[in-house]
Amino acid sequence: MKNSVIFGIVIGVLSLIWLFIMRSSGYNLTDSQASPIEYVSIIIPLIGLYFGVRNFRDGELKGSMGFLEALIQSFKILLVGGVLAVFAGIIFINWGGEQSTDTTFQSFSGRIFGALLVGVIEAFAVSLLLTTKSNRVD
């Protein structure tokens, strides 16, 4: 569990930093339209998941990991990172944004739902990439 908390915190902190980078760059996060630069944020959970699952495989499992083990570890990392990212986003909207309106919360919730979908897809991809044991189904 220690591994998932550490790399989940990495995802949460990088997400918070990315929110402030977007704001300081002049992009309006209250729009319902996503700007192309926002798609760079897809890299944040990919980095956290890849290094977290790889560290889990090499450290705790001594290099032998099945797909299901990798997927469960990925979801643990995403759970911790997602909770921190949502918490950081709510704080950012309430105290970091110019004005908190319903549009801000609606656009933020849409972005969080999109991030959830991207995170799940990346969890499957990282799990497939880092699996070293094959499990035969007869």
N, C-alpha and C. Protein backbone atom coordinates (compact mmCIF):
# COMPACT_ATOMS: atom_id res chain seq x y z
N MET A 1 0.83 -1.19 0.00
CA MET A 1 0.00 0.00 0.00
C MET A 1 0.87 1.25 0.00
N LYS A 2 2.06 1.14 0.58
CA LYS A 2 2.97 2.28 0.64
C LYS A 2 3.32 2.78 -0.76
N ASN A 3 3.55 1.86 -1.67
CA ASN A 3 3.90 2.21 -3.03
C ASN A 3 2.78 2.99 -3.72
N SER A 4 1.54 2.54 -3.56
CA SER A 4 0.42 3.21 -4.21
C SER A 4 0.18 4.59 -3.61
N VAL A 5 0.41 4.76 -2.32
CA VAL A 5 0.23 6.07 -1.70
C VAL A 5 1.30 7.04 -2.20
N ILE A 6 2.53 6.59 -2.28
CA ILE A 6 3.61 7.47 -2.74
C ILE A 6 3.37 7.94 -4.17
N PHE A 7 3.09 7.02 -5.06
CA PHE A 7 2.90 7.42 -6.46
C PHE A 7 1.55 8.08 -6.70
N GLY A 8 0.56 7.81 -5.87
CA GLY A 8 -0.70 8.55 -5.93
C GLY A 8 -0.49 10.00 -5.52
N ILE A 9 0.33 10.22 -4.50
CA ILE A 9 0.66 11.59 -4.08
C ILE A 9 1.41 12.31 -5.20
N VAL A 10 2.28 11.60 -5.90
CA VAL A 10 3.00 12.21 -7.03
C VAL A 10 2.00 12.68 -8.08
N ILE A 11 1.03 11.85 -8.41
CA ILE A 11 0.01 12.24 -9.40
C ILE A 11 -0.79 13.44 -8.90
N GLY A 12 -1.20 13.43 -7.64
CA GLY A 12 -1.98 14.54 -7.09
C GLY A 12 -1.21 15.85 -7.08
N VAL A 13 0.05 15.80 -6.68
CA VAL A 13 0.87 17.01 -6.62
C VAL A 13 1.15 17.54 -8.02
N LEU A 14 1.47 16.64 -8.95
CA LEU A 14 1.71 17.09 -10.33
C LEU A 14 0.45 17.68 -10.95
N SER A 15 -0.71 17.14 -10.59
CA SER A 15 -1.97 17.70 -11.10
C SER A 15 -2.21 19.11 -10.56
N LEU A 16 -1.92 19.31 -9.29
CA LEU A 16 -2.08 20.65 -8.70
C LEU A 16 -1.12 21.64 -9.35
N ILE A 17 0.11 21.21 -9.54
CA ILE A 17 1.10 22.08 -10.21
C ILE A 17 0.63 22.41 -11.62
N TRP A 18 0.06 21.41 -12.32
CA TRP A 18 -0.42 21.64 -13.68
C TRP A 18 -1.57 22.64 -13.70
N LEU A 19 -2.45 22.61 -12.69
CA LEU A 19 -3.54 23.60 -12.62
C LEU A 19 -2.98 25.02 -12.52
N PHE A 20 -1.97 25.20 -11.68
CA PHE A 20 -1.39 26.54 -11.54
C PHE A 20 -0.60 26.95 -12.78
N ILE A 21 0.03 26.00 -13.46
CA ILE A 21 0.72 26.32 -14.71
C ILE A 21 -0.28 26.77 -15.76
N MET A 22 -1.41 26.06 -15.85
CA MET A 22 -2.44 26.44 -16.82
C MET A 22 -2.98 27.84 -16.51
N ARG A 23 -3.21 28.13 -15.25
CA ARG A 23 -3.74 29.44 -14.87
C ARG A 23 -2.73 30.54 -15.14
N SER A 24 -1.47 30.29 -14.82
CA SER A 24 -0.45 31.33 -15.04
C SER A 24 -0.14 31.52 -16.52
N SER A 25 -0.44 30.50 -17.34
CA SER A 25 -0.24 30.63 -18.78
C SER A 25 -1.34 31.43 -19.46
N GLY A 26 -2.41 31.71 -18.71
CA GLY A 26 -3.49 32.52 -19.26
C GLY A 26 -4.64 31.72 -19.82
N TYR A 27 -4.63 30.41 -19.65
CA TYR A 27 -5.75 29.60 -20.13
C TYR A 27 -6.88 29.66 -19.12
N ASN A 28 -8.08 29.83 -19.62
CA ASN A 28 -9.25 29.94 -18.77
C ASN A 28 -9.81 28.55 -18.52
N LEU A 29 -9.73 28.12 -17.29
CA LEU A 29 -10.21 26.77 -16.95
C LEU A 29 -11.70 26.73 -16.70
N THR A 30 -12.39 27.86 -16.77
CA THR A 30 -13.82 27.87 -16.54
C THR A 30 -14.62 27.62 -17.81
N ASP A 31 -13.96 27.63 -18.95
CA ASP A 31 -14.66 27.35 -20.19
C ASP A 31 -15.06 25.89 -20.26
N SER A 32 -16.14 25.62 -20.97
CA SER A 32 -16.52 24.23 -21.17
C SER A 32 -15.73 23.61 -22.32
N GLN A 33 -15.02 24.43 -23.07
CA GLN A 33 -14.19 23.96 -24.16
C GLN A 33 -12.77 23.70 -23.65
N ALA A 34 -12.20 22.58 -24.02
CA ALA A 34 -10.83 22.25 -23.61
C ALA A 34 -9.87 22.81 -24.65
N SER A 35 -8.80 23.44 -24.17
CA SER A 35 -7.79 23.94 -25.09
C SER A 35 -6.79 22.82 -25.39
N PRO A 36 -6.12 22.88 -26.52
CA PRO A 36 -5.20 21.80 -26.90
C PRO A 36 -4.07 21.57 -25.88
N ILE A 37 -3.63 22.59 -25.18
CA ILE A 37 -2.55 22.43 -24.22
C ILE A 37 -2.99 21.56 -23.03
N GLU A 38 -4.29 21.48 -22.78
CA GLU A 38 -4.79 20.66 -21.67
C GLU A 38 -4.56 19.17 -21.91
N TYR A 39 -4.41 18.78 -23.15
CA TYR A 39 -4.20 17.37 -23.45
C TYR A 39 -2.81 16.89 -23.01
N VAL A 40 -1.92 17.81 -22.71
CA VAL A 40 -0.61 17.43 -22.18
C VAL A 40 -0.76 16.82 -20.79
N SER A 41 -1.83 17.16 -20.09
CA SER A 41 -2.04 16.62 -18.74
C SER A 41 -2.28 15.12 -18.73
N ILE A 42 -2.47 14.52 -19.89
CA ILE A 42 -2.60 13.06 -19.98
C ILE A 42 -1.31 12.38 -19.53
N ILE A 43 -0.21 13.07 -19.65
CA ILE A 43 1.09 12.50 -19.28
C ILE A 43 1.22 12.31 -17.77
N ILE A 44 0.53 13.12 -16.97
CA ILE A 44 0.68 13.07 -15.51
C ILE A 44 0.30 11.69 -14.94
N PRO A 45 -0.90 11.16 -15.19
CA PRO A 45 -1.17 9.83 -14.63
C PRO A 45 -0.35 8.72 -15.28
N LEU A 46 0.02 8.92 -16.54
CA LEU A 46 0.84 7.92 -17.21
C LEU A 46 2.20 7.77 -16.53
N ILE A 47 2.80 8.89 -16.17
CA ILE A 47 4.09 8.86 -15.47
C ILE A 47 3.93 8.19 -14.11
N GLY A 48 2.94 8.62 -13.34
CA GLY A 48 2.73 8.05 -12.01
C GLY A 48 2.42 6.56 -12.05
N LEU A 49 1.57 6.16 -12.99
CA LEU A 49 1.22 4.74 -13.09
C LEU A 49 2.40 3.90 -13.53
N TYR A 50 3.11 4.34 -14.54
CA TYR A 50 4.21 3.54 -15.07
C TYR A 50 5.28 3.32 -14.01
N PHE A 51 5.74 4.40 -13.41
CA PHE A 51 6.81 4.26 -12.42
C PHE A 51 6.32 3.57 -11.14
N GLY A 52 5.06 3.78 -10.77
CA GLY A 52 4.51 3.13 -9.58
C GLY A 52 4.37 1.63 -9.75
N VAL A 53 3.81 1.20 -10.87
CA VAL A 53 3.63 -0.23 -11.11
C VAL A 53 4.98 -0.91 -11.35
N ARG A 54 5.86 -0.22 -12.05
CA ARG A 54 7.21 -0.80 -12.26
C ARG A 54 7.96 -0.95 -10.94
N ASN A 55 7.85 0.05 -10.07
CA ASN A 55 8.49 -0.04 -8.75
C ASN A 55 7.88 -1.18 -7.93
N PHE A 56 6.58 -1.35 -8.01
CA PHE A 56 5.91 -2.44 -7.31
C PHE A 56 6.38 -3.80 -7.84
N ARG A 57 6.46 -3.91 -9.15
CA ARG A 57 6.89 -5.17 -9.77
C ARG A 57 8.33 -5.51 -9.41
N ASP A 58 9.22 -4.54 -9.53
CA ASP A 58 10.64 -4.80 -9.30
C ASP A 58 10.98 -4.91 -7.82
N GLY A 59 10.28 -4.16 -6.97
CA GLY A 59 10.61 -4.15 -5.56
C GLY A 59 9.93 -5.23 -4.75
N GLU A 60 8.62 -5.23 -4.75
CA GLU A 60 7.87 -6.14 -3.89
C GLU A 60 7.66 -7.52 -4.50
N LEU A 61 7.54 -7.58 -5.82
CA LEU A 61 7.25 -8.87 -6.46
C LEU A 61 8.47 -9.50 -7.11
N LYS A 62 9.61 -8.89 -6.97
CA LYS A 62 10.88 -9.40 -7.48
C LYS A 62 10.86 -9.69 -8.99
N GLY A 63 10.16 -8.84 -9.73
CA GLY A 63 10.17 -8.92 -11.18
C GLY A 63 9.13 -9.81 -11.81
N SER A 64 8.32 -10.49 -11.03
CA SER A 64 7.31 -11.40 -11.58
C SER A 64 5.92 -10.90 -11.19
N MET A 65 5.19 -10.40 -12.18
CA MET A 65 3.89 -9.81 -11.90
C MET A 65 2.90 -10.19 -13.00
N GLY A 66 1.70 -10.60 -12.58
CA GLY A 66 0.63 -10.91 -13.51
C GLY A 66 -0.17 -9.66 -13.85
N PHE A 67 -1.04 -9.81 -14.84
CA PHE A 67 -1.85 -8.68 -15.29
C PHE A 67 -2.78 -8.18 -14.19
N LEU A 68 -3.44 -9.08 -13.49
CA LEU A 68 -4.39 -8.69 -12.47
C LEU A 68 -3.70 -7.95 -11.31
N GLU A 69 -2.51 -8.41 -10.93
CA GLU A 69 -1.75 -7.72 -9.88
C GLU A 69 -1.40 -6.30 -10.31
N ALA A 70 -0.98 -6.16 -11.56
CA ALA A 70 -0.63 -4.84 -12.09
C ALA A 70 -1.86 -3.94 -12.16
N LEU A 71 -2.98 -4.50 -12.56
CA LEU A 71 -4.20 -3.70 -12.68
C LEU A 71 -4.70 -3.24 -11.31
N ILE A 72 -4.64 -4.11 -10.33
CA ILE A 72 -5.06 -3.73 -8.98
C ILE A 72 -4.15 -2.64 -8.43
N GLN A 73 -2.84 -2.78 -8.64
CA GLN A 73 -1.91 -1.75 -8.18
C GLN A 73 -2.15 -0.43 -8.91
N SER A 74 -2.45 -0.49 -10.19
CA SER A 74 -2.76 0.72 -10.96
C SER A 74 -3.99 1.42 -10.41
N PHE A 75 -5.02 0.66 -10.09
CA PHE A 75 -6.24 1.26 -9.56
C PHE A 75 -6.01 1.85 -8.17
N LYS A 76 -5.16 1.23 -7.37
CA LYS A 76 -4.83 1.81 -6.06
C LYS A 76 -4.14 3.16 -6.23
N ILE A 77 -3.19 3.21 -7.15
CA ILE A 77 -2.47 4.46 -7.42
C ILE A 77 -3.43 5.52 -7.93
N LEU A 78 -4.31 5.13 -8.86
CA LEU A 78 -5.29 6.09 -9.40
C LEU A 78 -6.26 6.57 -8.35
N LEU A 79 -6.64 5.70 -7.43
CA LEU A 79 -7.56 6.10 -6.38
C LEU A 79 -6.95 7.18 -5.49
N VAL A 80 -5.73 6.96 -5.05
CA VAL A 80 -5.06 7.96 -4.20
C VAL A 80 -4.81 9.24 -4.99
N GLY A 81 -4.30 9.11 -6.20
CA GLY A 81 -4.03 10.29 -7.03
C GLY A 81 -5.28 11.04 -7.40
N GLY A 82 -6.36 10.32 -7.69
CA GLY A 82 -7.62 10.96 -8.05
C GLY A 82 -8.24 11.73 -6.90
N VAL A 83 -8.21 11.15 -5.71
CA VAL A 83 -8.74 11.84 -4.54
C VAL A 83 -7.96 13.12 -4.29
N LEU A 84 -6.64 13.04 -4.37
CA LEU A 84 -5.83 14.24 -4.16
C LEU A 84 -6.04 15.28 -5.26
N ALA A 85 -6.16 14.83 -6.50
CA ALA A 85 -6.37 15.76 -7.61
C ALA A 85 -7.72 16.46 -7.50
N VAL A 86 -8.76 15.73 -7.12
CA VAL A 86 -10.09 16.34 -6.95
C VAL A 86 -10.07 17.33 -5.79
N PHE A 87 -9.46 16.93 -4.68
CA PHE A 87 -9.35 17.81 -3.53
C PHE A 87 -8.57 19.08 -3.90
N ALA A 88 -7.45 18.92 -4.60
CA ALA A 88 -6.65 20.07 -5.02
C ALA A 88 -7.44 20.94 -6.00
N GLY A 89 -8.21 20.31 -6.88
CA GLY A 89 -9.01 21.07 -7.84
C GLY A 89 -10.11 21.88 -7.16
N ILE A 90 -10.74 21.29 -6.16
CA ILE A 90 -11.78 22.02 -5.43
C ILE A 90 -11.18 23.20 -4.69
N ILE A 91 -10.05 23.00 -4.06
CA ILE A 91 -9.36 24.11 -3.39
C ILE A 91 -8.97 25.17 -4.40
N PHE A 92 -8.47 24.74 -5.56
CA PHE A 92 -8.06 25.68 -6.60
C PHE A 92 -9.24 26.50 -7.09
N ILE A 93 -10.37 25.86 -7.29
CA ILE A 93 -11.56 26.58 -7.78
C ILE A 93 -12.07 27.56 -6.73
N ASN A 94 -12.13 27.12 -5.48
CA ASN A 94 -12.69 27.98 -4.44
C ASN A 94 -11.78 29.13 -4.06
N TRP A 95 -10.49 28.88 -3.97
CA TRP A 95 -9.58 29.94 -3.49
C TRP A 95 -8.55 30.38 -4.51
N GLY A 96 -8.38 29.62 -5.58
CA GLY A 96 -7.36 29.98 -6.56
C GLY A 96 -7.92 30.64 -7.80
N GLY A 97 -9.19 30.38 -8.09
CA GLY A 97 -9.81 30.94 -9.28
C GLY A 97 -10.28 32.36 -9.06
N GLU A 98 -10.62 33.01 -10.14
CA GLU A 98 -11.08 34.39 -10.04
C GLU A 98 -12.45 34.48 -9.40
N GLN A 99 -13.34 33.57 -9.80
CA GLN A 99 -14.71 33.63 -9.33
C GLN A 99 -15.28 32.22 -9.40
N SER A 100 -15.91 31.78 -8.32
CA SER A 100 -16.48 30.43 -8.35
C SER A 100 -17.95 30.52 -8.73
N THR A 101 -18.27 29.99 -9.90
CA THR A 101 -19.64 29.97 -10.39
C THR A 101 -20.00 28.53 -10.74
N ASP A 102 -21.26 28.31 -11.08
CA ASP A 102 -21.69 26.96 -11.45
C ASP A 102 -20.98 26.48 -12.70
N THR A 103 -20.69 27.40 -13.62
CA THR A 103 -19.99 27.02 -14.84
C THR A 103 -18.63 26.44 -14.51
N THR A 104 -17.95 27.01 -13.52
CA THR A 104 -16.65 26.51 -13.13
C THR A 104 -16.77 25.08 -12.61
N PHE A 105 -17.73 24.82 -11.76
CA PHE A 105 -17.89 23.48 -11.21
C PHE A 105 -18.33 22.49 -12.28
N GLN A 106 -19.17 22.93 -13.22
CA GLN A 106 -19.59 22.04 -14.29
C GLN A 106 -18.44 21.68 -15.20
N SER A 107 -17.65 22.66 -15.59
CA SER A 107 -16.52 22.38 -16.47
C SER A 107 -15.46 21.56 -15.75
N PHE A 108 -15.28 21.82 -14.46
CA PHE A 108 -14.30 21.06 -13.69
C PHE A 108 -14.74 19.60 -13.55
N SER A 109 -16.03 19.38 -13.29
CA SER A 109 -16.50 18.00 -13.14
C SER A 109 -16.40 17.25 -14.46
N GLY A 110 -16.62 17.93 -15.56
CA GLY A 110 -16.45 17.30 -16.87
C GLY A 110 -15.00 16.92 -17.12
N ARG A 111 -14.10 17.79 -16.73
CA ARG A 111 -12.67 17.49 -16.89
C ARG A 111 -12.24 16.33 -15.98
N ILE A 112 -12.77 16.28 -14.77
CA ILE A 112 -12.44 15.19 -13.86
C ILE A 112 -12.97 13.86 -14.39
N PHE A 113 -14.18 13.86 -14.95
CA PHE A 113 -14.72 12.63 -15.54
C PHE A 113 -13.87 12.18 -16.71
N GLY A 114 -13.43 13.12 -17.53
CA GLY A 114 -12.54 12.78 -18.64
C GLY A 114 -11.21 12.23 -18.15
N ALA A 115 -10.71 12.81 -17.06
CA ALA A 115 -9.45 12.31 -16.48
C ALA A 115 -9.64 10.90 -15.93
N LEU A 116 -10.82 10.61 -15.38
CA LEU A 116 -11.10 9.26 -14.89
C LEU A 116 -11.05 8.25 -16.03
N LEU A 117 -11.67 8.58 -17.14
CA LEU A 117 -11.66 7.67 -18.29
C LEU A 117 -10.24 7.47 -18.82
N VAL A 118 -9.50 8.55 -18.93
CA VAL A 118 -8.12 8.45 -19.40
C VAL A 118 -7.28 7.62 -18.44
N GLY A 119 -7.48 7.82 -17.14
CA GLY A 119 -6.74 7.06 -16.14
C GLY A 119 -7.01 5.57 -16.21
N VAL A 120 -8.27 5.19 -16.42
CA VAL A 120 -8.62 3.77 -16.52
C VAL A 120 -7.99 3.16 -17.77
N ILE A 121 -8.04 3.86 -18.88
CA ILE A 121 -7.42 3.37 -20.12
C ILE A 121 -5.91 3.23 -19.92
N GLU A 122 -5.29 4.22 -19.29
CA GLU A 122 -3.85 4.15 -19.04
C GLU A 122 -3.51 3.04 -18.06
N ALA A 123 -4.39 2.75 -17.09
CA ALA A 123 -4.15 1.65 -16.15
C ALA A 123 -4.10 0.32 -16.89
N PHE A 124 -5.02 0.11 -17.82
CA PHE A 124 -4.98 -1.12 -18.61
C PHE A 124 -3.71 -1.19 -19.46
N ALA A 125 -3.34 -0.07 -20.08
CA ALA A 125 -2.16 -0.06 -20.93
C ALA A 125 -0.88 -0.33 -20.14
N VAL A 126 -0.73 0.33 -19.00
CA VAL A 126 0.46 0.12 -18.18
C VAL A 126 0.49 -1.30 -17.63
N SER A 127 -0.65 -1.83 -17.25
CA SER A 127 -0.71 -3.20 -16.74
C SER A 127 -0.30 -4.20 -17.82
N LEU A 128 -0.77 -4.00 -19.03
CA LEU A 128 -0.37 -4.87 -20.13
C LEU A 128 1.12 -4.75 -20.44
N LEU A 129 1.61 -3.54 -20.37
CA LEU A 129 3.01 -3.29 -20.70
C LEU A 129 3.97 -3.90 -19.68
N LEU A 130 3.61 -3.86 -18.42
CA LEU A 130 4.54 -4.29 -17.37
C LEU A 130 4.28 -5.71 -16.85
N THR A 131 3.33 -6.42 -17.42
CA THR A 131 3.08 -7.79 -17.00
C THR A 131 4.22 -8.69 -17.45
N THR A 132 4.72 -9.51 -16.53
CA THR A 132 5.81 -10.43 -16.87
C THR A 132 5.40 -11.89 -16.78
N LYS A 133 4.35 -12.20 -16.03
CA LYS A 133 3.86 -13.58 -15.92
C LYS A 133 2.71 -13.75 -16.88
N SER A 134 2.72 -14.88 -17.58
CA SER A 134 1.54 -15.18 -18.40
C SER A 134 0.70 -16.19 -17.65
N ASN A 135 -0.57 -15.96 -17.63
CA ASN A 135 -1.51 -16.87 -16.98
C ASN A 135 -2.31 -17.56 -18.06
N ARG A 136 -2.11 -18.84 -18.17
CA ARG A 136 -2.84 -19.61 -19.17
C ARG A 136 -4.23 -19.92 -18.66
N VAL A 137 -5.17 -19.79 -19.55
CA VAL A 137 -6.54 -20.17 -19.24
C VAL A 137 -6.89 -21.36 -20.13
N ASP A 138 -7.11 -22.48 -19.51
CA ASP A 138 -7.44 -23.69 -20.27
C ASP A 138 -8.91 -24.00 -20.22
